[in-house]
Full PDB file with SEQRES, HELIX, SHEET, SSBOND, CRYST1, ORIGX, SCALE, CONECT and MASTER records, all heavy atoms in Angstrom:
SEQRES   1 A   37  GLY SER GLY LYS SER MET LEU PHE LYS CYS LEU CYS GLY          
SEQRES   2 A   37  PHE ILE GLN PRO THR SER GLY LYS ILE TRP VAL PHE GLU          
SEQRES   3 A   37  GLU GLU ILE LYS TYR GLY LYS PHE PRO LYS ASN                  
HELIX    1 AA1 LYS A    4  LEU A   11  1                                   8    
SHEET    1 AA1 2 TRP A  23  VAL A  24  0                                        
SHEET    2 AA1 2 GLU A  27  GLU A  28 -1                                        
CRYST1    1.000    1.000    1.000  90.00  90.00  90.00 P 1           1          
ORIGX1      1.000000  0.000000  0.000000        0.00000                         
ORIGX2      0.000000  1.000000  0.000000        0.00000                         
ORIGX3      0.000000  0.000000  1.000000        0.00000                         
SCALE1      1.000000  0.000000  0.000000        0.00000                         
SCALE2      0.000000  1.000000  0.000000        0.00000                         
SCALE3      0.000000  0.000000  1.000000        0.00000                         
ATOM      1  N   GLY A   1       0.784  -1.227   0.000  1.00  0.00           N  
ATOM      2  CA  GLY A   1       0.000   0.000   0.000  1.00  0.00           C  
ATOM      3  C   GLY A   1       0.812   1.272   0.000  1.00  0.00           C  
ATOM      4  O   GLY A   1       0.260   2.378   0.041  1.00  0.00           O  
ATOM      5  N   SER A   2       2.148   1.138  -0.083  1.00  0.00           N  
ATOM      6  CA  SER A   2       2.997   2.337  -0.042  1.00  0.00           C  
ATOM      7  C   SER A   2       3.011   3.089  -1.365  1.00  0.00           C  
ATOM      8  O   SER A   2       3.390   4.256  -1.414  1.00  0.00           O  
ATOM      9  CB  SER A   2       4.433   1.951   0.342  1.00  0.00           C  
ATOM     10  OG  SER A   2       4.998   1.089  -0.633  1.00  0.00           O  
ATOM     11  N   GLY A   3       2.630   2.401  -2.466  1.00  0.00           N  
ATOM     12  CA  GLY A   3       2.595   3.064  -3.770  1.00  0.00           C  
ATOM     13  C   GLY A   3       3.470   2.433  -4.826  1.00  0.00           C  
ATOM     14  O   GLY A   3       3.486   2.887  -5.976  1.00  0.00           O  
ATOM     15  N   LYS A   4       4.189   1.353  -4.492  1.00  0.00           N  
ATOM     16  CA  LYS A   4       5.105   0.727  -5.455  1.00  0.00           C  
ATOM     17  C   LYS A   4       4.357   0.227  -6.690  1.00  0.00           C  
ATOM     18  O   LYS A   4       4.743   0.527  -7.826  1.00  0.00           O  
ATOM     19  CB  LYS A   4       5.870  -0.430  -4.808  1.00  0.00           C  
ATOM     20  CG  LYS A   4       6.679  -0.086  -3.583  1.00  0.00           C  
ATOM     21  CD  LYS A   4       7.546  -1.231  -3.116  1.00  0.00           C  
ATOM     22  CE  LYS A   4       6.791  -2.534  -2.894  1.00  0.00           C  
ATOM     23  NZ  LYS A   4       5.781  -2.441  -1.803  1.00  0.00           N  
ATOM     24  N   SER A   5       3.318  -0.565  -6.455  1.00  0.00           N  
ATOM     25  CA  SER A   5       2.570  -1.124  -7.584  1.00  0.00           C  
ATOM     26  C   SER A   5       1.868  -0.032  -8.378  1.00  0.00           C  
ATOM     27  O   SER A   5       1.773  -0.107  -9.609  1.00  0.00           O  
ATOM     28  CB  SER A   5       1.555  -2.155  -7.084  1.00  0.00           C  
ATOM     29  OG  SER A   5       2.208  -3.273  -6.519  1.00  0.00           O  
ATOM     30  N   MET A   6       1.377   0.987  -7.697  1.00  0.00           N  
ATOM     31  CA  MET A   6       0.739   2.117  -8.378  1.00  0.00           C  
ATOM     32  C   MET A   6       1.735   2.801  -9.308  1.00  0.00           C  
ATOM     33  O   MET A   6       1.414   3.130 -10.466  1.00  0.00           O  
ATOM     34  CB  MET A   6       0.202   3.112  -7.352  1.00  0.00           C  
ATOM     35  CG  MET A   6      -0.420   4.362  -7.951  1.00  0.00           C  
ATOM     36  SD  MET A   6      -1.871   4.006  -8.964  1.00  0.00           S  
ATOM     37  CE  MET A   6      -3.010   3.428  -7.697  1.00  0.00           C  
ATOM     38  N   LEU A   7       2.960   3.007  -8.829  1.00  0.00           N  
ATOM     39  CA  LEU A   7       3.993   3.617  -9.662  1.00  0.00           C  
ATOM     40  C   LEU A   7       4.265   2.761 -10.882  1.00  0.00           C  
ATOM     41  O   LEU A   7       4.293   3.263 -12.016  1.00  0.00           O  
ATOM     42  CB  LEU A   7       5.276   3.796  -8.852  1.00  0.00           C  
ATOM     43  CG  LEU A   7       6.505   4.265  -9.638  1.00  0.00           C  
ATOM     44  CD1 LEU A   7       6.265   5.625 -10.279  1.00  0.00           C  
ATOM     45  CD2 LEU A   7       7.740   4.293  -8.746  1.00  0.00           C  
ATOM     46  N   PHE A   8       4.444   1.452 -10.687  1.00  0.00           N  
ATOM     47  CA  PHE A   8       4.740   0.563 -11.806  1.00  0.00           C  
ATOM     48  C   PHE A   8       3.619   0.592 -12.841  1.00  0.00           C  
ATOM     49  O   PHE A   8       3.868   0.605 -14.048  1.00  0.00           O  
ATOM     50  CB  PHE A   8       4.953  -0.862 -11.296  1.00  0.00           C  
ATOM     51  CG  PHE A   8       6.310  -1.112 -10.687  1.00  0.00           C  
ATOM     52  CD1 PHE A   8       7.233  -0.087 -10.526  1.00  0.00           C  
ATOM     53  CD2 PHE A   8       6.669  -2.381 -10.265  1.00  0.00           C  
ATOM     54  CE1 PHE A   8       8.485  -0.319  -9.961  1.00  0.00           C  
ATOM     55  CE2 PHE A   8       7.915  -2.632  -9.709  1.00  0.00           C  
ATOM     56  CZ  PHE A   8       8.825  -1.597  -9.559  1.00  0.00           C  
ATOM     57  N   LYS A   9       2.381   0.605 -12.386  1.00  0.00           N  
ATOM     58  CA  LYS A   9       1.247   0.591 -13.323  1.00  0.00           C  
ATOM     59  C   LYS A   9       1.137   1.911 -14.081  1.00  0.00           C  
ATOM     60  O   LYS A   9       0.749   1.920 -15.255  1.00  0.00           O  
ATOM     61  CB  LYS A   9      -0.044   0.275 -12.571  1.00  0.00           C  
ATOM     62  CG  LYS A   9      -0.097  -1.186 -12.124  1.00  0.00           C  
ATOM     63  CD  LYS A   9      -1.321  -1.500 -11.277  1.00  0.00           C  
ATOM     64  CE  LYS A   9      -1.303  -2.965 -10.848  1.00  0.00           C  
ATOM     65  NZ  LYS A   9      -2.425  -3.315  -9.959  1.00  0.00           N  
ATOM     66  N   CYS A  10       1.498   3.011 -13.445  1.00  0.00           N  
ATOM     67  CA  CYS A  10       1.538   4.296 -14.162  1.00  0.00           C  
ATOM     68  C   CYS A  10       2.633   4.279 -15.220  1.00  0.00           C  
ATOM     69  O   CYS A  10       2.436   4.766 -16.343  1.00  0.00           O  
ATOM     70  CB  CYS A  10       1.772   5.446 -13.187  1.00  0.00           C  
ATOM     71  SG  CYS A  10       0.348   5.909 -12.184  1.00  0.00           S  
ATOM     72  N   LEU A  11       3.801   3.712 -14.886  1.00  0.00           N  
ATOM     73  CA  LEU A  11       4.911   3.654 -15.834  1.00  0.00           C  
ATOM     74  C   LEU A  11       4.547   2.840 -17.076  1.00  0.00           C  
ATOM     75  O   LEU A  11       5.063   3.096 -18.163  1.00  0.00           O  
ATOM     76  CB  LEU A  11       6.144   3.047 -15.172  1.00  0.00           C  
ATOM     77  CG  LEU A  11       6.744   3.809 -13.980  1.00  0.00           C  
ATOM     78  CD1 LEU A  11       7.939   3.058 -13.419  1.00  0.00           C  
ATOM     79  CD2 LEU A  11       7.137   5.225 -14.365  1.00  0.00           C  
ATOM     80  N   CYS A  12       3.657   1.867 -16.900  1.00  0.00           N  
ATOM     81  CA  CYS A  12       3.234   1.013 -18.017  1.00  0.00           C  
ATOM     82  C   CYS A  12       2.057   1.590 -18.791  1.00  0.00           C  
ATOM     83  O   CYS A  12       1.629   0.990 -19.792  1.00  0.00           O  
ATOM     84  CB  CYS A  12       2.852  -0.367 -17.496  1.00  0.00           C  
ATOM     85  SG  CYS A  12       4.216  -1.292 -16.775  1.00  0.00           S  
ATOM     86  N   GLY A  13       1.511   2.709 -18.356  1.00  0.00           N  
ATOM     87  CA  GLY A  13       0.368   3.298 -19.036  1.00  0.00           C  
ATOM     88  C   GLY A  13      -0.962   2.689 -18.634  1.00  0.00           C  
ATOM     89  O   GLY A  13      -1.988   2.955 -19.263  1.00  0.00           O  
ATOM     90  N   PHE A  14      -0.972   1.871 -17.565  1.00  0.00           N  
ATOM     91  CA  PHE A  14      -2.202   1.202 -17.145  1.00  0.00           C  
ATOM     92  C   PHE A  14      -3.106   2.100 -16.297  1.00  0.00           C  
ATOM     93  O   PHE A  14      -4.321   1.883 -16.243  1.00  0.00           O  
ATOM     94  CB  PHE A  14      -1.881  -0.060 -16.332  1.00  0.00           C  
ATOM     95  CG  PHE A  14      -1.215  -1.137 -17.127  1.00  0.00           C  
ATOM     96  CD1 PHE A  14      -0.487  -2.140 -16.485  1.00  0.00           C  
ATOM     97  CD2 PHE A  14      -1.304  -1.190 -18.509  1.00  0.00           C  
ATOM     98  CE1 PHE A  14       0.131  -3.151 -17.205  1.00  0.00           C  
ATOM     99  CE2 PHE A  14      -0.677  -2.187 -19.246  1.00  0.00           C  
ATOM    100  CZ  PHE A  14       0.038  -3.170 -18.582  1.00  0.00           C  
ATOM    101  N   ILE A  15      -2.502   3.051 -15.604  1.00  0.00           N  
ATOM    102  CA  ILE A  15      -3.254   3.960 -14.733  1.00  0.00           C  
ATOM    103  C   ILE A  15      -2.874   5.388 -15.089  1.00  0.00           C  
ATOM    104  O   ILE A  15      -1.699   5.692 -15.311  1.00  0.00           O  
ATOM    105  CB  ILE A  15      -2.964   3.673 -13.244  1.00  0.00           C  
ATOM    106  CG1 ILE A  15      -3.576   2.318 -12.855  1.00  0.00           C  
ATOM    107  CG2 ILE A  15      -3.498   4.784 -12.349  1.00  0.00           C  
ATOM    108  CD1 ILE A  15      -3.324   1.910 -11.424  1.00  0.00           C  
ATOM    109  N   GLN A  16      -3.870   6.245 -15.132  1.00  0.00           N  
ATOM    110  CA  GLN A  16      -3.633   7.640 -15.503  1.00  0.00           C  
ATOM    111  C   GLN A  16      -3.208   8.441 -14.278  1.00  0.00           C  
ATOM    112  O   GLN A  16      -3.955   8.531 -13.301  1.00  0.00           O  
ATOM    113  CB  GLN A  16      -4.899   8.256 -16.103  1.00  0.00           C  
ATOM    114  CG  GLN A  16      -4.686   9.664 -16.638  1.00  0.00           C  
ATOM    115  CD  GLN A  16      -5.871  10.148 -17.438  1.00  0.00           C  
ATOM    116  OE1 GLN A  16      -6.956   9.594 -17.359  1.00  0.00           O  
ATOM    117  NE2 GLN A  16      -5.676  11.184 -18.226  1.00  0.00           N  
ATOM    118  N   PRO A  17      -2.014   9.025 -14.307  1.00  0.00           N  
ATOM    119  CA  PRO A  17      -1.613   9.875 -13.179  1.00  0.00           C  
ATOM    120  C   PRO A  17      -2.430  11.154 -13.124  1.00  0.00           C  
ATOM    121  O   PRO A  17      -2.983  11.592 -14.140  1.00  0.00           O  
ATOM    122  CB  PRO A  17      -0.134  10.158 -13.463  1.00  0.00           C  
ATOM    123  CG  PRO A  17       0.035   9.957 -14.928  1.00  0.00           C  
ATOM    124  CD  PRO A  17      -0.976   8.941 -15.349  1.00  0.00           C  
ATOM    125  N   THR A  18      -2.501  11.742 -11.953  1.00  0.00           N  
ATOM    126  CA  THR A  18      -3.205  13.011 -11.796  1.00  0.00           C  
ATOM    127  C   THR A  18      -2.425  14.150 -12.439  1.00  0.00           C  
ATOM    128  O   THR A  18      -3.001  15.055 -13.043  1.00  0.00           O  
ATOM    129  CB  THR A  18      -3.436  13.299 -10.297  1.00  0.00           C  
ATOM    130  OG1 THR A  18      -4.138  12.186  -9.719  1.00  0.00           O  
ATOM    131  CG2 THR A  18      -4.256  14.563 -10.100  1.00  0.00           C  
ATOM    132  N   SER A  19      -1.105  14.076 -12.339  1.00  0.00           N  
ATOM    133  CA  SER A  19      -0.249  15.097 -12.954  1.00  0.00           C  
ATOM    134  C   SER A  19       1.138  14.507 -13.171  1.00  0.00           C  
ATOM    135  O   SER A  19       1.470  13.442 -12.654  1.00  0.00           O  
ATOM    136  CB  SER A  19      -0.166  16.347 -12.071  1.00  0.00           C  
ATOM    137  OG  SER A  19       0.371  16.023 -10.790  1.00  0.00           O  
ATOM    138  N   GLY A  20       1.949  15.224 -13.945  1.00  0.00           N  
ATOM    139  CA  GLY A  20       3.310  14.787 -14.205  1.00  0.00           C  
ATOM    140  C   GLY A  20       3.458  14.077 -15.539  1.00  0.00           C  
ATOM    141  O   GLY A  20       2.482  13.854 -16.269  1.00  0.00           O  
ATOM    142  N   LYS A  21       4.706  13.738 -15.865  1.00  0.00           N  
ATOM    143  CA  LYS A  21       5.013  13.117 -17.152  1.00  0.00           C  
ATOM    144  C   LYS A  21       5.933  11.911 -16.972  1.00  0.00           C  
ATOM    145  O   LYS A  21       6.709  11.825 -16.013  1.00  0.00           O  
ATOM    146  CB  LYS A  21       5.669  14.131 -18.094  1.00  0.00           C  
ATOM    147  CG  LYS A  21       4.716  15.249 -18.525  1.00  0.00           C  
ATOM    148  CD  LYS A  21       5.339  16.121 -19.603  1.00  0.00           C  
ATOM    149  CE  LYS A  21       4.345  17.163 -20.104  1.00  0.00           C  
ATOM    150  NZ  LYS A  21       4.884  17.963 -21.223  1.00  0.00           N  
ATOM    151  N   ILE A  22       5.818  10.990 -17.942  1.00  0.00           N  
ATOM    152  CA  ILE A  22       6.621   9.766 -17.961  1.00  0.00           C  
ATOM    153  C   ILE A  22       7.208   9.605 -19.358  1.00  0.00           C  
ATOM    154  O   ILE A  22       6.498   9.768 -20.360  1.00  0.00           O  
ATOM    155  CB  ILE A  22       5.763   8.523 -17.650  1.00  0.00           C  
ATOM    156  CG1 ILE A  22       5.066   8.659 -16.293  1.00  0.00           C  
ATOM    157  CG2 ILE A  22       6.596   7.240 -17.704  1.00  0.00           C  
ATOM    158  CD1 ILE A  22       3.924   7.677 -16.090  1.00  0.00           C  
ATOM    159  N   TRP A  23       8.496   9.281 -19.409  1.00  0.00           N  
ATOM    160  CA  TRP A  23       9.125   8.945 -20.686  1.00  0.00           C  
ATOM    161  C   TRP A  23       9.785   7.573 -20.572  1.00  0.00           C  
ATOM    162  O   TRP A  23      10.459   7.289 -19.579  1.00  0.00           O  
ATOM    163  CB  TRP A  23      10.202   9.957 -21.072  1.00  0.00           C  
ATOM    164  CG  TRP A  23       9.696  11.336 -21.358  1.00  0.00           C  
ATOM    165  CD1 TRP A  23       9.316  11.844 -22.571  1.00  0.00           C  
ATOM    166  CD2 TRP A  23       9.541  12.405 -20.415  1.00  0.00           C  
ATOM    167  NE1 TRP A  23       8.922  13.154 -22.431  1.00  0.00           N  
ATOM    168  CE2 TRP A  23       9.047  13.528 -21.121  1.00  0.00           C  
ATOM    169  CE3 TRP A  23       9.745  12.520 -19.041  1.00  0.00           C  
ATOM    170  CZ2 TRP A  23       8.776  14.733 -20.500  1.00  0.00           C  
ATOM    171  CZ3 TRP A  23       9.474  13.719 -18.407  1.00  0.00           C  
ATOM    172  CH2 TRP A  23       8.998  14.820 -19.143  1.00  0.00           C  
ATOM    173  N   VAL A  24       9.589   6.737 -21.574  1.00  0.00           N  
ATOM    174  CA  VAL A  24      10.270   5.447 -21.667  1.00  0.00           C  
ATOM    175  C   VAL A  24      10.949   5.400 -23.030  1.00  0.00           C  
ATOM    176  O   VAL A  24      10.294   5.555 -24.065  1.00  0.00           O  
ATOM    177  CB  VAL A  24       9.285   4.275 -21.515  1.00  0.00           C  
ATOM    178  CG1 VAL A  24      10.014   2.948 -21.710  1.00  0.00           C  
ATOM    179  CG2 VAL A  24       8.610   4.311 -20.140  1.00  0.00           C  
ATOM    180  N   PHE A  25      12.262   5.240 -23.010  1.00  0.00           N  
ATOM    181  CA  PHE A  25      13.064   5.305 -24.239  1.00  0.00           C  
ATOM    182  C   PHE A  25      12.734   6.596 -25.012  1.00  0.00           C  
ATOM    183  O   PHE A  25      12.514   6.579 -26.222  1.00  0.00           O  
ATOM    184  CB  PHE A  25      12.836   4.076 -25.121  1.00  0.00           C  
ATOM    185  CG  PHE A  25      13.250   2.790 -24.461  1.00  0.00           C  
ATOM    186  CD1 PHE A  25      12.299   1.853 -24.074  1.00  0.00           C  
ATOM    187  CD2 PHE A  25      14.585   2.519 -24.202  1.00  0.00           C  
ATOM    188  CE1 PHE A  25      12.677   0.670 -23.448  1.00  0.00           C  
ATOM    189  CE2 PHE A  25      14.968   1.345 -23.585  1.00  0.00           C  
ATOM    190  CZ  PHE A  25      14.006   0.413 -23.207  1.00  0.00           C  
ATOM    191  N   GLU A  26      12.676   7.704 -24.277  1.00  0.00           N  
ATOM    192  CA  GLU A  26      12.477   9.062 -24.804  1.00  0.00           C  
ATOM    193  C   GLU A  26      11.090   9.285 -25.411  1.00  0.00           C  
ATOM    194  O   GLU A  26      10.835  10.333 -26.003  1.00  0.00           O  
ATOM    195  CB  GLU A  26      13.563   9.414 -25.832  1.00  0.00           C  
ATOM    196  CG  GLU A  26      14.972   9.374 -25.244  1.00  0.00           C  
ATOM    197  CD  GLU A  26      16.035   9.785 -26.253  1.00  0.00           C  
ATOM    198  OE1 GLU A  26      15.755   9.751 -27.466  1.00  0.00           O  
ATOM    199  OE2 GLU A  26      17.146  10.149 -25.813  1.00  0.00           O  
ATOM    200  N   GLU A  27      10.205   8.305 -25.269  1.00  0.00           N  
ATOM    201  CA  GLU A  27       8.844   8.468 -25.766  1.00  0.00           C  
ATOM    202  C   GLU A  27       7.912   8.745 -24.587  1.00  0.00           C  
ATOM    203  O   GLU A  27       7.900   7.994 -23.607  1.00  0.00           O  
ATOM    204  CB  GLU A  27       8.382   7.203 -26.499  1.00  0.00           C  
ATOM    205  CG  GLU A  27       6.984   7.320 -27.075  1.00  0.00           C  
ATOM    206  CD  GLU A  27       6.561   6.077 -27.841  1.00  0.00           C  
ATOM    207  OE1 GLU A  27       7.289   5.064 -27.796  1.00  0.00           O  
ATOM    208  OE2 GLU A  27       5.506   6.119 -28.486  1.00  0.00           O  
ATOM    209  N   GLU A  28       7.140   9.827 -24.688  1.00  0.00           N  
ATOM    210  CA  GLU A  28       6.239  10.152 -23.590  1.00  0.00           C  
ATOM    211  C   GLU A  28       5.105   9.135 -23.533  1.00  0.00           C  
ATOM    212  O   GLU A  28       4.488   8.796 -24.541  1.00  0.00           O  
ATOM    213  CB  GLU A  28       5.663  11.562 -23.749  1.00  0.00           C  
ATOM    214  CG  GLU A  28       4.839  11.988 -22.543  1.00  0.00           C  
ATOM    215  CD  GLU A  28       4.389  13.441 -22.595  1.00  0.00           C  
ATOM    216  OE1 GLU A  28       4.834  14.178 -23.505  1.00  0.00           O  
ATOM    217  OE2 GLU A  28       3.580  13.820 -21.741  1.00  0.00           O  
ATOM    218  N   ILE A  29       4.861   8.633 -22.314  1.00  0.00           N  
ATOM    219  CA  ILE A  29       3.852   7.594 -22.111  1.00  0.00           C  
ATOM    220  C   ILE A  29       2.564   8.227 -21.580  1.00  0.00           C  
ATOM    221  O   ILE A  29       2.571   8.903 -20.555  1.00  0.00           O  
ATOM    222  CB  ILE A  29       4.362   6.524 -21.123  1.00  0.00           C  
ATOM    223  CG1 ILE A  29       5.645   5.886 -21.657  1.00  0.00           C  
ATOM    224  CG2 ILE A  29       3.296   5.463 -20.883  1.00  0.00           C  
ATOM    225  CD1 ILE A  29       5.555   5.303 -23.041  1.00  0.00           C  
ATOM    226  N   LYS A  30       1.496   7.997 -22.296  1.00  0.00           N  
ATOM    227  CA  LYS A  30       0.177   8.469 -21.885  1.00  0.00           C  
ATOM    228  C   LYS A  30      -0.645   7.283 -21.389  1.00  0.00           C  
ATOM    229  O   LYS A  30      -0.359   6.126 -21.696  1.00  0.00           O  
ATOM    230  CB  LYS A  30      -0.546   9.137 -23.060  1.00  0.00           C  
ATOM    231  CG  LYS A  30       0.198  10.318 -23.673  1.00  0.00           C  
ATOM    232  CD  LYS A  30       0.155  11.532 -22.778  1.00  0.00           C  
ATOM    233  CE  LYS A  30       0.703  12.757 -23.492  1.00  0.00           C  
ATOM    234  NZ  LYS A  30       0.659  13.968 -22.643  1.00  0.00           N  
ATOM    235  N   TYR A  31      -1.706   7.578 -20.665  1.00  0.00           N  
ATOM    236  CA  TYR A  31      -2.614   6.540 -20.189  1.00  0.00           C  
ATOM    237  C   TYR A  31      -3.165   5.731 -21.360  1.00  0.00           C  
ATOM    238  O   TYR A  31      -3.625   6.290 -22.351  1.00  0.00           O  
ATOM    239  CB  TYR A  31      -3.758   7.188 -19.409  1.00  0.00           C  
ATOM    240  CG  TYR A  31      -4.881   6.254 -19.043  1.00  0.00           C  
ATOM    241  CD1 TYR A  31      -4.645   5.120 -18.275  1.00  0.00           C  
ATOM    242  CD2 TYR A  31      -6.175   6.512 -19.476  1.00  0.00           C  
ATOM    243  CE1 TYR A  31      -5.673   4.264 -17.937  1.00  0.00           C  
ATOM    244  CE2 TYR A  31      -7.215   5.667 -19.136  1.00  0.00           C  
ATOM    245  CZ  TYR A  31      -6.959   4.539 -18.365  1.00  0.00           C  
ATOM    246  OH  TYR A  31      -7.987   3.695 -18.048  1.00  0.00           O  
ATOM    247  N   GLY A  32      -3.075   4.414 -21.251  1.00  0.00           N  
ATOM    248  CA  GLY A  32      -3.578   3.534 -22.299  1.00  0.00           C  
ATOM    249  C   GLY A  32      -2.581   3.255 -23.407  1.00  0.00           C  
ATOM    250  O   GLY A  32      -2.881   2.507 -24.334  1.00  0.00           O  
ATOM    251  N   LYS A  33      -1.392   3.835 -23.313  1.00  0.00           N  
ATOM    252  CA  LYS A  33      -0.361   3.634 -24.333  1.00  0.00           C  
ATOM    253  C   LYS A  33       0.772   2.815 -23.727  1.00  0.00           C  
ATOM    254  O   LYS A  33       1.579   3.328 -22.961  1.00  0.00           O  
ATOM    255  CB  LYS A  33       0.160   4.982 -24.840  1.00  0.00           C  
ATOM    256  CG  LYS A  33       1.230   4.870 -25.912  1.00  0.00           C  
ATOM    257  CD  LYS A  33       1.690   6.245 -26.359  1.00  0.00           C  
ATOM    258  CE  LYS A  33       2.735   6.161 -27.449  1.00  0.00           C  
ATOM    259  NZ  LYS A  33       3.203   7.502 -27.883  1.00  0.00           N  
ATOM    260  N   PHE A  34       0.814   1.539 -24.058  1.00  0.00           N  
ATOM    261  CA  PHE A  34       1.819   0.656 -23.480  1.00  0.00           C  
ATOM    262  C   PHE A  34       3.177   0.928 -24.118  1.00  0.00           C  
ATOM    263  O   PHE A  34       3.286   0.964 -25.341  1.00  0.00           O  
ATOM    264  CB  PHE A  34       1.417  -0.805 -23.713  1.00  0.00           C  
ATOM    265  CG  PHE A  34       2.294  -1.797 -23.009  1.00  0.00           C  
ATOM    266  CD1 PHE A  34       2.202  -1.977 -21.643  1.00  0.00           C  
ATOM    267  CD2 PHE A  34       3.214  -2.557 -23.716  1.00  0.00           C  
ATOM    268  CE1 PHE A  34       3.005  -2.899 -20.995  1.00  0.00           C  
ATOM    269  CE2 PHE A  34       4.025  -3.472 -23.082  1.00  0.00           C  
ATOM    270  CZ  PHE A  34       3.914  -3.642 -21.712  1.00  0.00           C  
ATOM    271  N   PRO A  35       4.213   1.135 -23.307  1.00  0.00           N  
ATOM    272  CA  PRO A  35       5.534   1.452 -23.879  1.00  0.00           C  
ATOM    273  C   PRO A  35       6.073   0.326 -24.747  1.00  0.00           C  
ATOM    274  O   PRO A  35       5.855  -0.860 -24.485  1.00  0.00           O  
ATOM    275  CB  PRO A  35       6.408   1.630 -22.624  1.00  0.00           C  
ATOM    276  CG  PRO A  35       5.455   1.908 -21.513  1.00  0.00           C  
ATOM    277  CD  PRO A  35       4.220   1.149 -21.844  1.00  0.00           C  
ATOM    278  N   LYS A  36       6.796   0.715 -25.778  1.00  0.00           N  
ATOM    279  CA  LYS A  36       7.461  -0.261 -26.636  1.00  0.00           C  
ATOM    280  C   LYS A  36       8.670  -0.842 -25.900  1.00  0.00           C  
ATOM    281  O   LYS A  36       9.277  -0.197 -25.060  1.00  0.00           O  
ATOM    282  CB  LYS A  36       7.927   0.406 -27.934  1.00  0.00           C  
ATOM    283  CG  LYS A  36       6.790   0.939 -28.797  1.00  0.00           C  
ATOM    284  CD  LYS A  36       7.326   1.671 -30.012  1.00  0.00           C  
ATOM    285  CE  LYS A  36       6.206   2.277 -30.853  1.00  0.00           C  
ATOM    286  NZ  LYS A  36       6.723   3.054 -32.002  1.00  0.00           N  
ATOM    287  N   ASN A  37       9.004  -2.072 -26.263  1.00  0.00           N  
ATOM    288  CA  ASN A  37      10.211  -2.724 -25.760  1.00  0.00           C  
ATOM    289  C   ASN A  37      10.210  -2.884 -24.245  1.00  0.00           C  
ATOM    290  O   ASN A  37      11.230  -2.753 -23.580  1.00  0.00           O  
ATOM    291  CB  ASN A  37      11.454  -1.942 -26.196  1.00  0.00           C  
ATOM    292  CG  ASN A  37      12.583  -2.872 -26.616  1.00  0.00           C  
ATOM    293  OD1 ASN A  37      12.542  -4.075 -26.380  1.00  0.00           O  
ATOM    294  ND2 ASN A  37      13.597  -2.314 -27.240  1.00  0.00           N  
TER     295      ASN A  37                                                      
MASTER        0    0    0    1    2    0    0    6  294    1    0    3          
END                                                                             
């Protein structure tokens, strides 16, 4: 419940963050967009 799984799911595009940005291999990850590779 500390937030580890929530962070991982946001990084994968599974959960929409309230604010902020994520990049994976220089590609910005949006909610519902699973990162390549």
